[in-house]
Amino acid sequence: MTPTTPAPRIAGLLLAAGGGRRLGGRPKALLEHRGRPLVEHAVRVLRDGGCGPVHVVLGAAADEVRARADLGGCEVSVNPGWTEGMGSSLRVGLGSLTGTGADAALVLLVDQPGIGADAVARVRSAYRSRTGIAAAAYGGERGHPVLFGAELWAEIAAGAVGDQGARAYLRAHRDAITLVECSDVAQAYDIDTVEDLKHLG
């Protein structure tokens, strides 16, 4: 019998630390969507899309989020520097995954509820190696979620500053990214302003 290659372990990494400055200081993780906190919805999307384990990075109102949201089965980290922007949360999240044996991290943002499990599963299935990068595309434009092979995490974390997250790294490695068109199964809007709250049910 020929040995079978084990299925890759694709961890879900949910960045949910934002304080919702343009929403009057309402933490994004706690915005209600379908009767539950938005962070719960996003965790379910990662799980239903085939990711595991699921790591969550909290920041603003972290204690309240833990109290109100069901994050059972998730590895939860708190980013004490969440006000510095998304880059610091990405660093905390990738750090929490180091040593877990995951082959890649699929990064999802809590404020994009139009991205569901179908898009996560598509990007997840684009995994090829621990040095690979894949990202959802919408009309050919790169968006979220983004998948990073484990051997890239240290370099990505080193460059994750301010509110840029991995944007600079992705720009510099544009030719290495496998784009996965998802516009037929997802919408990549953000919940950033009061006007955007209309997207929440």
N, C-alpha and C. Protein backbone atom coordinates (compact mmCIF):
# COMPACT_ATOMS: atom_id res chain seq x y z
N MET A 1 0.84 -1.19 0.00
CA MET A 1 0.00 0.00 0.00
C MET A 1 0.87 1.25 0.00
N THR A 2 0.46 2.24 -0.75
CA THR A 2 1.22 3.49 -0.76
C THR A 2 0.73 4.34 0.41
N PRO A 3 1.68 4.95 1.12
CA PRO A 3 1.26 5.79 2.25
C PRO A 3 0.48 7.00 1.75
N THR A 4 -0.57 7.36 2.46
CA THR A 4 -1.34 8.54 2.06
C THR A 4 -0.78 9.78 2.74
N THR A 5 -0.77 10.88 2.00
CA THR A 5 -0.31 12.14 2.59
C THR A 5 -1.40 12.66 3.52
N PRO A 6 -1.06 12.98 4.76
CA PRO A 6 -2.10 13.49 5.66
C PRO A 6 -2.68 14.80 5.15
N ALA A 7 -3.95 15.01 5.42
CA ALA A 7 -4.59 16.26 5.00
C ALA A 7 -3.93 17.43 5.72
N PRO A 8 -3.75 18.54 5.03
CA PRO A 8 -3.12 19.70 5.68
C PRO A 8 -4.00 20.22 6.81
N ARG A 9 -3.33 20.75 7.82
CA ARG A 9 -4.05 21.36 8.95
C ARG A 9 -4.12 22.86 8.70
N ILE A 10 -5.30 23.34 8.38
CA ILE A 10 -5.48 24.77 8.09
C ILE A 10 -6.20 25.41 9.27
N ALA A 11 -5.48 26.20 10.04
CA ALA A 11 -6.08 26.88 11.19
C ALA A 11 -6.86 28.10 10.71
N GLY A 12 -7.93 28.40 11.41
CA GLY A 12 -8.65 29.65 11.18
C GLY A 12 -8.15 30.70 12.16
N LEU A 13 -7.86 31.89 11.65
CA LEU A 13 -7.40 32.98 12.52
C LEU A 13 -8.34 34.16 12.33
N LEU A 14 -9.12 34.44 13.37
CA LEU A 14 -10.11 35.52 13.31
C LEU A 14 -9.59 36.74 14.05
N LEU A 15 -9.49 37.86 13.33
CA LEU A 15 -9.04 39.12 13.93
C LEU A 15 -10.29 39.90 14.34
N ALA A 16 -10.50 40.04 15.66
CA ALA A 16 -11.74 40.61 16.18
C ALA A 16 -11.47 41.60 17.31
N ALA A 17 -10.41 42.40 17.16
CA ALA A 17 -9.98 43.28 18.26
C ALA A 17 -10.46 44.72 18.12
N GLY A 18 -11.01 45.08 16.96
CA GLY A 18 -11.30 46.49 16.68
C GLY A 18 -12.31 47.13 17.61
N GLY A 19 -12.07 48.40 17.88
CA GLY A 19 -12.93 49.14 18.81
C GLY A 19 -14.09 49.87 18.16
N GLY A 20 -14.20 49.83 16.83
CA GLY A 20 -15.32 50.48 16.16
C GLY A 20 -15.34 51.98 16.36
N ARG A 21 -14.18 52.61 16.15
CA ARG A 21 -14.09 54.06 16.38
C ARG A 21 -15.14 54.83 15.57
N ARG A 22 -15.32 54.45 14.30
CA ARG A 22 -16.30 55.16 13.45
C ARG A 22 -17.73 54.69 13.69
N LEU A 23 -17.89 53.73 14.62
CA LEU A 23 -19.22 53.27 15.02
C LEU A 23 -19.57 53.80 16.40
N GLY A 24 -18.88 54.86 16.80
CA GLY A 24 -19.14 55.44 18.11
C GLY A 24 -18.55 54.63 19.25
N GLY A 25 -17.48 53.88 18.93
CA GLY A 25 -16.81 53.11 19.97
C GLY A 25 -17.51 51.81 20.32
N ARG A 26 -18.29 51.27 19.38
CA ARG A 26 -18.94 49.97 19.62
C ARG A 26 -18.01 48.88 19.11
N PRO A 27 -17.47 48.03 19.99
CA PRO A 27 -16.54 46.99 19.54
C PRO A 27 -17.19 46.11 18.46
N LYS A 28 -16.46 45.88 17.38
CA LYS A 28 -17.04 45.16 16.25
C LYS A 28 -17.42 43.73 16.62
N ALA A 29 -16.65 43.10 17.49
CA ALA A 29 -16.94 41.71 17.86
C ALA A 29 -18.32 41.55 18.47
N LEU A 30 -18.84 42.63 19.10
CA LEU A 30 -20.11 42.55 19.81
C LEU A 30 -21.30 43.06 19.00
N LEU A 31 -21.09 43.54 17.80
CA LEU A 31 -22.22 43.95 16.97
C LEU A 31 -23.12 42.75 16.74
N GLU A 32 -24.43 42.96 16.78
CA GLU A 32 -25.34 41.83 16.65
C GLU A 32 -25.61 41.50 15.19
N HIS A 33 -25.57 40.21 14.89
CA HIS A 33 -25.88 39.72 13.54
C HIS A 33 -26.67 38.43 13.72
N ARG A 34 -27.92 38.44 13.23
CA ARG A 34 -28.79 37.27 13.38
C ARG A 34 -28.95 36.87 14.84
N GLY A 35 -29.01 37.89 15.69
CA GLY A 35 -29.32 37.64 17.10
C GLY A 35 -28.15 37.27 17.99
N ARG A 36 -26.96 37.20 17.42
CA ARG A 36 -25.77 36.82 18.20
C ARG A 36 -24.62 37.77 17.88
N PRO A 37 -23.59 37.84 18.76
CA PRO A 37 -22.45 38.71 18.46
C PRO A 37 -21.75 38.31 17.16
N LEU A 38 -21.28 39.31 16.45
CA LEU A 38 -20.64 39.09 15.15
C LEU A 38 -19.46 38.13 15.25
N VAL A 39 -18.74 38.14 16.37
CA VAL A 39 -17.59 37.26 16.53
C VAL A 39 -18.01 35.79 16.48
N GLU A 40 -19.18 35.48 17.02
CA GLU A 40 -19.68 34.10 16.98
C GLU A 40 -19.96 33.67 15.54
N HIS A 41 -20.59 34.57 14.81
CA HIS A 41 -20.89 34.29 13.40
C HIS A 41 -19.61 33.97 12.63
N ALA A 42 -18.57 34.78 12.85
CA ALA A 42 -17.31 34.60 12.11
C ALA A 42 -16.62 33.29 12.49
N VAL A 43 -16.66 32.92 13.76
CA VAL A 43 -16.08 31.65 14.20
C VAL A 43 -16.78 30.49 13.48
N ARG A 44 -18.10 30.56 13.41
CA ARG A 44 -18.87 29.50 12.74
C ARG A 44 -18.51 29.41 11.26
N VAL A 45 -18.31 30.56 10.63
CA VAL A 45 -17.93 30.59 9.21
C VAL A 45 -16.60 29.85 9.00
N LEU A 46 -15.62 30.11 9.88
CA LEU A 46 -14.33 29.44 9.76
C LEU A 46 -14.48 27.93 9.95
N ARG A 47 -15.25 27.54 10.96
CA ARG A 47 -15.44 26.10 11.22
C ARG A 47 -16.18 25.43 10.05
N ASP A 48 -17.26 26.07 9.60
CA ASP A 48 -18.05 25.48 8.52
C ASP A 48 -17.27 25.43 7.21
N GLY A 49 -16.27 26.31 7.09
CA GLY A 49 -15.42 26.32 5.90
C GLY A 49 -14.28 25.31 5.97
N GLY A 50 -14.21 24.55 7.09
CA GLY A 50 -13.24 23.48 7.20
C GLY A 50 -11.96 23.80 7.95
N CYS A 51 -11.93 24.94 8.64
CA CYS A 51 -10.71 25.33 9.37
C CYS A 51 -10.70 24.77 10.78
N GLY A 52 -9.54 24.41 11.25
CA GLY A 52 -9.38 23.96 12.63
C GLY A 52 -7.91 23.74 12.93
N PRO A 53 -7.46 24.15 14.10
CA PRO A 53 -8.21 24.82 15.15
C PRO A 53 -8.57 26.26 14.76
N VAL A 54 -9.44 26.89 15.55
CA VAL A 54 -9.79 28.29 15.31
C VAL A 54 -9.22 29.14 16.45
N HIS A 55 -8.41 30.12 16.07
CA HIS A 55 -7.82 31.06 17.03
C HIS A 55 -8.47 32.43 16.82
N VAL A 56 -8.80 33.08 17.92
CA VAL A 56 -9.48 34.38 17.88
C VAL A 56 -8.64 35.41 18.63
N VAL A 57 -8.45 36.57 18.01
CA VAL A 57 -7.73 37.66 18.68
C VAL A 57 -8.74 38.74 19.06
N LEU A 58 -8.87 38.98 20.36
CA LEU A 58 -9.75 40.03 20.88
C LEU A 58 -8.91 41.23 21.31
N GLY A 59 -9.59 42.36 21.52
CA GLY A 59 -8.90 43.56 21.98
C GLY A 59 -9.86 44.44 22.74
N ALA A 60 -10.59 45.28 22.01
CA ALA A 60 -11.55 46.18 22.65
C ALA A 60 -12.61 45.36 23.38
N ALA A 61 -12.89 45.76 24.64
CA ALA A 61 -13.92 45.12 25.46
C ALA A 61 -13.77 43.60 25.51
N ALA A 62 -12.54 43.14 25.59
CA ALA A 62 -12.27 41.69 25.52
C ALA A 62 -13.04 40.91 26.59
N ASP A 63 -13.10 41.44 27.81
CA ASP A 63 -13.80 40.72 28.88
C ASP A 63 -15.29 40.60 28.58
N GLU A 64 -15.87 41.67 28.04
CA GLU A 64 -17.29 41.65 27.70
C GLU A 64 -17.56 40.68 26.55
N VAL A 65 -16.64 40.65 25.59
CA VAL A 65 -16.80 39.72 24.46
C VAL A 65 -16.78 38.28 24.98
N ARG A 66 -15.83 37.98 25.85
CA ARG A 66 -15.76 36.62 26.42
C ARG A 66 -17.04 36.27 27.17
N ALA A 67 -17.60 37.25 27.87
CA ALA A 67 -18.80 37.00 28.67
C ALA A 67 -20.04 36.81 27.81
N ARG A 68 -20.13 37.53 26.70
CA ARG A 68 -21.37 37.52 25.90
C ARG A 68 -21.34 36.57 24.72
N ALA A 69 -20.15 36.25 24.23
CA ALA A 69 -20.06 35.41 23.02
C ALA A 69 -19.65 33.99 23.37
N ASP A 70 -20.21 33.03 22.67
CA ASP A 70 -19.82 31.63 22.86
C ASP A 70 -18.60 31.35 21.99
N LEU A 71 -17.44 31.30 22.63
CA LEU A 71 -16.20 31.03 21.91
C LEU A 71 -15.62 29.68 22.33
N GLY A 72 -16.51 28.79 22.76
CA GLY A 72 -16.09 27.45 23.19
C GLY A 72 -15.33 26.72 22.08
N GLY A 73 -14.24 26.10 22.44
CA GLY A 73 -13.44 25.36 21.47
C GLY A 73 -12.44 26.21 20.72
N CYS A 74 -12.49 27.52 20.92
CA CYS A 74 -11.54 28.43 20.27
C CYS A 74 -10.35 28.70 21.21
N GLU A 75 -9.22 28.97 20.61
CA GLU A 75 -8.07 29.47 21.36
C GLU A 75 -8.15 30.99 21.30
N VAL A 76 -8.37 31.64 22.44
CA VAL A 76 -8.58 33.08 22.46
C VAL A 76 -7.34 33.79 23.00
N SER A 77 -6.87 34.78 22.24
CA SER A 77 -5.76 35.64 22.68
C SER A 77 -6.28 37.06 22.76
N VAL A 78 -5.70 37.84 23.67
CA VAL A 78 -6.07 39.25 23.78
C VAL A 78 -4.87 40.09 23.38
N ASN A 79 -5.11 41.01 22.45
CA ASN A 79 -4.05 41.91 21.98
C ASN A 79 -4.08 43.18 22.84
N PRO A 80 -3.10 43.34 23.74
CA PRO A 80 -3.11 44.53 24.60
C PRO A 80 -2.86 45.81 23.81
N GLY A 81 -2.25 45.69 22.63
CA GLY A 81 -1.97 46.87 21.81
C GLY A 81 -2.93 47.04 20.66
N TRP A 82 -4.20 46.63 20.86
CA TRP A 82 -5.15 46.64 19.75
C TRP A 82 -5.37 48.02 19.15
N THR A 83 -5.15 49.08 19.94
CA THR A 83 -5.35 50.43 19.40
C THR A 83 -4.30 50.79 18.35
N GLU A 84 -3.21 50.03 18.28
CA GLU A 84 -2.18 50.28 17.26
C GLU A 84 -2.66 49.89 15.86
N GLY A 85 -3.71 49.08 15.79
CA GLY A 85 -4.22 48.69 14.49
C GLY A 85 -4.11 47.20 14.24
N MET A 86 -4.57 46.79 13.05
CA MET A 86 -4.68 45.38 12.71
C MET A 86 -3.35 44.65 12.71
N GLY A 87 -2.27 45.34 12.39
CA GLY A 87 -0.96 44.69 12.35
C GLY A 87 -0.61 44.02 13.66
N SER A 88 -0.89 44.71 14.78
CA SER A 88 -0.55 44.14 16.08
C SER A 88 -1.40 42.90 16.36
N SER A 89 -2.65 42.90 15.91
CA SER A 89 -3.51 41.72 16.12
C SER A 89 -3.04 40.54 15.27
N LEU A 90 -2.59 40.83 14.06
CA LEU A 90 -2.07 39.76 13.22
C LEU A 90 -0.82 39.14 13.86
N ARG A 91 0.03 39.99 14.44
CA ARG A 91 1.22 39.47 15.12
C ARG A 91 0.84 38.55 16.28
N VAL A 92 -0.12 39.00 17.09
CA VAL A 92 -0.56 38.19 18.23
C VAL A 92 -1.15 36.87 17.75
N GLY A 93 -1.97 36.94 16.70
CA GLY A 93 -2.62 35.74 16.20
C GLY A 93 -1.65 34.73 15.63
N LEU A 94 -0.72 35.19 14.81
CA LEU A 94 0.27 34.28 14.24
C LEU A 94 1.16 33.70 15.34
N GLY A 95 1.46 34.54 16.36
CA GLY A 95 2.24 34.05 17.49
C GLY A 95 1.52 32.94 18.24
N SER A 96 0.20 33.06 18.36
CA SER A 96 -0.57 32.05 19.08
C SER A 96 -0.61 30.73 18.32
N LEU A 97 -0.43 30.79 17.01
CA LEU A 97 -0.46 29.58 16.18
C LEU A 97 0.89 28.88 16.09
N THR A 98 1.94 29.60 16.43
CA THR A 98 3.28 29.02 16.35
C THR A 98 3.38 27.82 17.29
N GLY A 99 3.85 26.73 16.76
CA GLY A 99 4.02 25.53 17.57
C GLY A 99 2.78 24.64 17.64
N THR A 100 1.71 25.01 16.93
CA THR A 100 0.48 24.20 16.97
C THR A 100 0.50 23.07 15.96
N GLY A 101 1.46 23.10 15.03
CA GLY A 101 1.49 22.08 13.99
C GLY A 101 0.62 22.40 12.79
N ALA A 102 -0.02 23.57 12.79
CA ALA A 102 -0.83 23.96 11.64
C ALA A 102 0.07 24.21 10.43
N ASP A 103 -0.41 23.84 9.27
CA ASP A 103 0.35 24.03 8.03
C ASP A 103 0.14 25.41 7.43
N ALA A 104 -0.99 26.02 7.76
CA ALA A 104 -1.30 27.35 7.24
C ALA A 104 -2.33 28.00 8.14
N ALA A 105 -2.42 29.33 8.04
CA ALA A 105 -3.44 30.09 8.75
C ALA A 105 -4.33 30.78 7.73
N LEU A 106 -5.64 30.61 7.88
CA LEU A 106 -6.58 31.31 7.03
C LEU A 106 -7.15 32.46 7.85
N VAL A 107 -6.83 33.69 7.43
CA VAL A 107 -7.15 34.89 8.21
C VAL A 107 -8.46 35.51 7.73
N LEU A 108 -9.38 35.69 8.68
CA LEU A 108 -10.68 36.30 8.41
C LEU A 108 -10.84 37.49 9.34
N LEU A 109 -11.53 38.54 8.86
CA LEU A 109 -11.78 39.73 9.67
C LEU A 109 -13.21 39.69 10.20
N VAL A 110 -13.40 40.07 11.45
CA VAL A 110 -14.71 39.95 12.08
C VAL A 110 -15.75 40.85 11.44
N ASP A 111 -15.32 41.94 10.79
CA ASP A 111 -16.28 42.92 10.29
C ASP A 111 -16.65 42.71 8.82
N GLN A 112 -16.55 41.48 8.33
CA GLN A 112 -16.92 41.18 6.95
C GLN A 112 -17.93 40.02 6.90
N PRO A 113 -19.15 40.25 7.45
CA PRO A 113 -20.12 39.16 7.53
C PRO A 113 -20.66 38.69 6.19
N GLY A 114 -20.37 39.41 5.12
CA GLY A 114 -20.78 38.95 3.79
C GLY A 114 -19.91 37.83 3.25
N ILE A 115 -18.83 37.51 3.97
CA ILE A 115 -17.95 36.41 3.58
C ILE A 115 -18.32 35.20 4.41
N GLY A 116 -18.82 34.18 3.74
CA GLY A 116 -19.30 32.99 4.44
C GLY A 116 -18.40 31.78 4.26
N ALA A 117 -18.94 30.64 4.67
CA ALA A 117 -18.17 29.40 4.67
C ALA A 117 -17.75 28.96 3.27
N ASP A 118 -18.57 29.29 2.25
CA ASP A 118 -18.21 28.88 0.89
C ASP A 118 -16.90 29.52 0.44
N ALA A 119 -16.74 30.82 0.74
CA ALA A 119 -15.51 31.51 0.36
C ALA A 119 -14.33 30.97 1.16
N VAL A 120 -14.55 30.72 2.45
CA VAL A 120 -13.49 30.15 3.29
C VAL A 120 -13.04 28.80 2.73
N ALA A 121 -14.01 27.95 2.39
CA ALA A 121 -13.68 26.63 1.87
C ALA A 121 -12.90 26.71 0.56
N ARG A 122 -13.27 27.66 -0.29
CA ARG A 122 -12.56 27.82 -1.57
C ARG A 122 -11.11 28.21 -1.36
N VAL A 123 -10.89 29.20 -0.50
CA VAL A 123 -9.52 29.65 -0.26
C VAL A 123 -8.74 28.55 0.46
N ARG A 124 -9.37 27.88 1.38
CA ARG A 124 -8.72 26.78 2.09
C ARG A 124 -8.26 25.70 1.11
N SER A 125 -9.09 25.41 0.13
CA SER A 125 -8.76 24.34 -0.82
C SER A 125 -7.62 24.72 -1.77
N ALA A 126 -7.25 26.02 -1.75
CA ALA A 126 -6.14 26.47 -2.60
C ALA A 126 -4.78 26.25 -1.93
N TYR A 127 -4.78 25.70 -0.70
CA TYR A 127 -3.52 25.40 -0.02
C TYR A 127 -2.70 24.40 -0.84
N ARG A 128 -1.41 24.73 -1.04
CA ARG A 128 -0.51 23.82 -1.76
C ARG A 128 0.73 23.46 -0.95
N SER A 129 1.23 24.41 -0.14
CA SER A 129 2.44 24.13 0.62
C SER A 129 2.56 25.11 1.78
N ARG A 130 3.49 24.81 2.69
CA ARG A 130 3.72 25.67 3.86
C ARG A 130 4.41 26.98 3.51
N THR A 131 4.74 27.16 2.23
CA THR A 131 5.31 28.44 1.79
C THR A 131 4.36 29.17 0.84
N GLY A 132 3.14 28.70 0.74
CA GLY A 132 2.20 29.27 -0.23
C GLY A 132 1.33 30.37 0.35
N ILE A 133 0.74 31.16 -0.55
CA ILE A 133 -0.21 32.22 -0.19
C ILE A 133 -1.41 32.10 -1.14
N ALA A 134 -2.60 32.18 -0.59
CA ALA A 134 -3.81 32.23 -1.41
C ALA A 134 -4.72 33.29 -0.83
N ALA A 135 -5.55 33.87 -1.68
CA ALA A 135 -6.47 34.91 -1.21
C ALA A 135 -7.73 34.90 -2.05
N ALA A 136 -8.83 35.24 -1.40
CA ALA A 136 -10.07 35.44 -2.13
C ALA A 136 -9.92 36.65 -3.04
N ALA A 137 -10.61 36.59 -4.18
CA ALA A 137 -10.63 37.74 -5.09
C ALA A 137 -12.09 38.06 -5.40
N TYR A 138 -12.35 39.34 -5.61
CA TYR A 138 -13.69 39.82 -5.93
C TYR A 138 -13.57 40.65 -7.19
N GLY A 139 -14.03 40.09 -8.30
CA GLY A 139 -13.84 40.76 -9.59
C GLY A 139 -12.38 40.92 -9.93
N GLY A 140 -11.57 39.96 -9.50
CA GLY A 140 -10.14 39.99 -9.79
C GLY A 140 -9.31 40.78 -8.80
N GLU A 141 -9.97 41.46 -7.85
CA GLU A 141 -9.25 42.26 -6.85
C GLU A 141 -9.07 41.45 -5.57
N ARG A 142 -7.84 41.41 -5.05
CA ARG A 142 -7.56 40.64 -3.85
C ARG A 142 -8.31 41.16 -2.64
N GLY A 143 -8.85 40.21 -1.85
CA GLY A 143 -9.55 40.56 -0.62
C GLY A 143 -9.33 39.50 0.43
N HIS A 144 -10.29 39.37 1.35
CA HIS A 144 -10.22 38.36 2.42
C HIS A 144 -11.23 37.25 2.15
N PRO A 145 -11.01 36.08 2.71
CA PRO A 145 -9.91 35.69 3.58
C PRO A 145 -8.61 35.47 2.82
N VAL A 146 -7.51 35.44 3.59
CA VAL A 146 -6.17 35.21 3.03
C VAL A 146 -5.54 34.03 3.76
N LEU A 147 -4.88 33.16 3.02
CA LEU A 147 -4.24 31.98 3.59
C LEU A 147 -2.72 32.13 3.49
N PHE A 148 -2.04 31.94 4.63
CA PHE A 148 -0.58 32.04 4.69
C PHE A 148 0.01 30.72 5.15
N GLY A 149 0.92 30.15 4.36
CA GLY A 149 1.64 28.96 4.77
C GLY A 149 2.47 29.24 6.01
N ALA A 150 2.64 28.21 6.87
CA ALA A 150 3.26 28.39 8.18
C ALA A 150 4.69 28.91 8.11
N GLU A 151 5.40 28.57 7.06
CA GLU A 151 6.80 29.00 6.99
C GLU A 151 6.94 30.49 6.68
N LEU A 152 5.84 31.16 6.40
CA LEU A 152 5.86 32.60 6.11
C LEU A 152 5.49 33.44 7.33
N TRP A 153 4.98 32.80 8.37
CA TRP A 153 4.39 33.57 9.48
C TRP A 153 5.37 34.53 10.12
N ALA A 154 6.60 34.10 10.37
CA ALA A 154 7.55 34.96 11.08
C ALA A 154 7.84 36.22 10.27
N GLU A 155 8.01 36.06 8.97
CA GLU A 155 8.32 37.23 8.12
C GLU A 155 7.11 38.16 8.03
N ILE A 156 5.92 37.58 7.92
CA ILE A 156 4.70 38.40 7.86
C ILE A 156 4.51 39.16 9.16
N ALA A 157 4.69 38.49 10.29
CA ALA A 157 4.52 39.14 11.60
C ALA A 157 5.52 40.28 11.77
N ALA A 158 6.73 40.08 11.30
CA ALA A 158 7.78 41.10 11.44
C ALA A 158 7.41 42.39 10.71
N GLY A 159 6.64 42.27 9.63
CA GLY A 159 6.28 43.45 8.84
C GLY A 159 4.89 43.97 9.12
N ALA A 160 4.18 43.36 10.07
CA ALA A 160 2.79 43.75 10.35
C ALA A 160 2.77 44.89 11.34
N VAL A 161 2.65 46.11 10.84
CA VAL A 161 2.64 47.29 11.70
C VAL A 161 1.44 48.16 11.36
N GLY A 162 1.04 48.96 12.34
CA GLY A 162 -0.07 49.89 12.12
C GLY A 162 -1.33 49.17 11.71
N ASP A 163 -2.10 49.82 10.84
CA ASP A 163 -3.37 49.22 10.41
C ASP A 163 -3.22 48.50 9.08
N GLN A 164 -2.00 48.25 8.68
CA GLN A 164 -1.76 47.63 7.37
C GLN A 164 -1.92 46.11 7.39
N GLY A 165 -1.75 45.49 8.55
CA GLY A 165 -1.79 44.04 8.58
C GLY A 165 -0.69 43.48 7.70
N ALA A 166 -1.08 42.60 6.78
CA ALA A 166 -0.10 41.99 5.88
C ALA A 166 -0.09 42.65 4.51
N ARG A 167 -0.67 43.83 4.40
CA ARG A 167 -0.84 44.45 3.08
C ARG A 167 0.49 44.67 2.36
N ALA A 168 1.47 45.18 3.09
CA ALA A 168 2.77 45.45 2.45
C ALA A 168 3.42 44.14 2.00
N TYR A 169 3.31 43.10 2.84
CA TYR A 169 3.89 41.80 2.48
C TYR A 169 3.20 41.26 1.22
N LEU A 170 1.89 41.37 1.17
CA LEU A 170 1.15 40.86 0.02
C LEU A 170 1.47 41.64 -1.26
N ARG A 171 1.66 42.94 -1.12
CA ARG A 171 2.04 43.74 -2.30
C ARG A 171 3.40 43.29 -2.82
N ALA A 172 4.34 43.07 -1.88
CA ALA A 172 5.70 42.71 -2.28
C ALA A 172 5.77 41.30 -2.89
N HIS A 173 4.79 40.45 -2.57
CA HIS A 173 4.79 39.07 -3.06
C HIS A 173 3.58 38.79 -3.94
N ARG A 174 3.16 39.83 -4.66
CA ARG A 174 1.95 39.74 -5.49
C ARG A 174 1.96 38.53 -6.42
N ASP A 175 3.13 38.27 -7.02
CA ASP A 175 3.21 37.20 -8.02
C ASP A 175 3.12 35.81 -7.41
N ALA A 176 3.28 35.71 -6.10
CA ALA A 176 3.25 34.40 -5.44
C ALA A 176 1.85 34.03 -4.95
N ILE A 177 0.88 34.95 -5.08
CA ILE A 177 -0.45 34.72 -4.51
C ILE A 177 -1.34 33.98 -5.49
N THR A 178 -1.96 32.91 -5.02
CA THR A 178 -3.01 32.24 -5.79
C THR A 178 -4.32 32.94 -5.49
N LEU A 179 -4.91 33.60 -6.49
CA LEU A 179 -6.18 34.29 -6.30
C LEU A 179 -7.33 33.32 -6.57
N VAL A 180 -8.32 33.34 -5.68
CA VAL A 180 -9.46 32.43 -5.79
C VAL A 180 -10.72 33.29 -5.90
N GLU A 181 -11.32 33.33 -7.06
CA GLU A 181 -12.48 34.19 -7.28
C GLU A 181 -13.65 33.73 -6.40
N CYS A 182 -14.22 34.69 -5.63
CA CYS A 182 -15.29 34.36 -4.69
C CYS A 182 -16.50 35.28 -4.84
N SER A 183 -16.51 36.13 -5.85
CA SER A 183 -17.58 37.13 -5.95
C SER A 183 -18.96 36.50 -6.18
N ASP A 184 -18.98 35.23 -6.62
CA ASP A 184 -20.27 34.57 -6.82
C ASP A 184 -20.84 33.97 -5.53
N VAL A 185 -20.01 33.89 -4.48
CA VAL A 185 -20.48 33.29 -3.23
C VAL A 185 -20.33 34.20 -2.01
N ALA A 186 -19.74 35.38 -2.18
CA ALA A 186 -19.48 36.24 -1.02
C ALA A 186 -19.48 37.70 -1.44
N GLN A 187 -19.68 38.58 -0.44
CA GLN A 187 -19.58 40.02 -0.63
C GLN A 187 -18.58 40.55 0.38
N ALA A 188 -17.64 41.36 -0.11
CA ALA A 188 -16.50 41.74 0.73
C ALA A 188 -16.64 43.12 1.37
N TYR A 189 -17.86 43.51 1.73
CA TYR A 189 -18.01 44.81 2.40
C TYR A 189 -17.52 44.72 3.84
N ASP A 190 -17.15 45.88 4.40
CA ASP A 190 -16.73 45.99 5.80
C ASP A 190 -17.83 46.69 6.60
N ILE A 191 -17.92 46.37 7.88
CA ILE A 191 -18.78 47.13 8.79
C ILE A 191 -17.89 48.15 9.48
N ASP A 192 -17.81 49.34 8.89
CA ASP A 192 -16.91 50.38 9.42
C ASP A 192 -17.64 51.58 9.97
N THR A 193 -18.79 51.91 9.36
CA THR A 193 -19.51 53.13 9.74
C THR A 193 -20.95 52.78 10.13
N VAL A 194 -21.63 53.74 10.71
CA VAL A 194 -23.04 53.54 11.10
C VAL A 194 -23.87 53.15 9.88
N GLU A 195 -23.56 53.75 8.74
CA GLU A 195 -24.28 53.42 7.49
C GLU A 195 -24.13 51.94 7.13
N ASP A 196 -22.99 51.36 7.44
CA ASP A 196 -22.74 49.95 7.11
C ASP A 196 -23.56 48.98 7.96
N LEU A 197 -24.11 49.46 9.07
CA LEU A 197 -24.88 48.56 9.95
C LEU A 197 -26.10 47.97 9.27
N LYS A 198 -26.49 48.57 8.14
CA LYS A 198 -27.65 48.03 7.41
C LYS A 198 -27.42 46.61 6.91
N HIS A 199 -26.14 46.19 6.83
CA HIS A 199 -25.84 44.85 6.37
C HIS A 199 -26.07 43.78 7.43
N LEU A 200 -26.26 44.22 8.68
CA LEU A 200 -26.43 43.25 9.77
C LEU A 200 -27.90 42.93 9.97
N GLY A 201 -28.20 41.65 10.15
CA GLY A 201 -29.59 41.25 10.32
C GLY A 201 -29.91 40.92 11.76
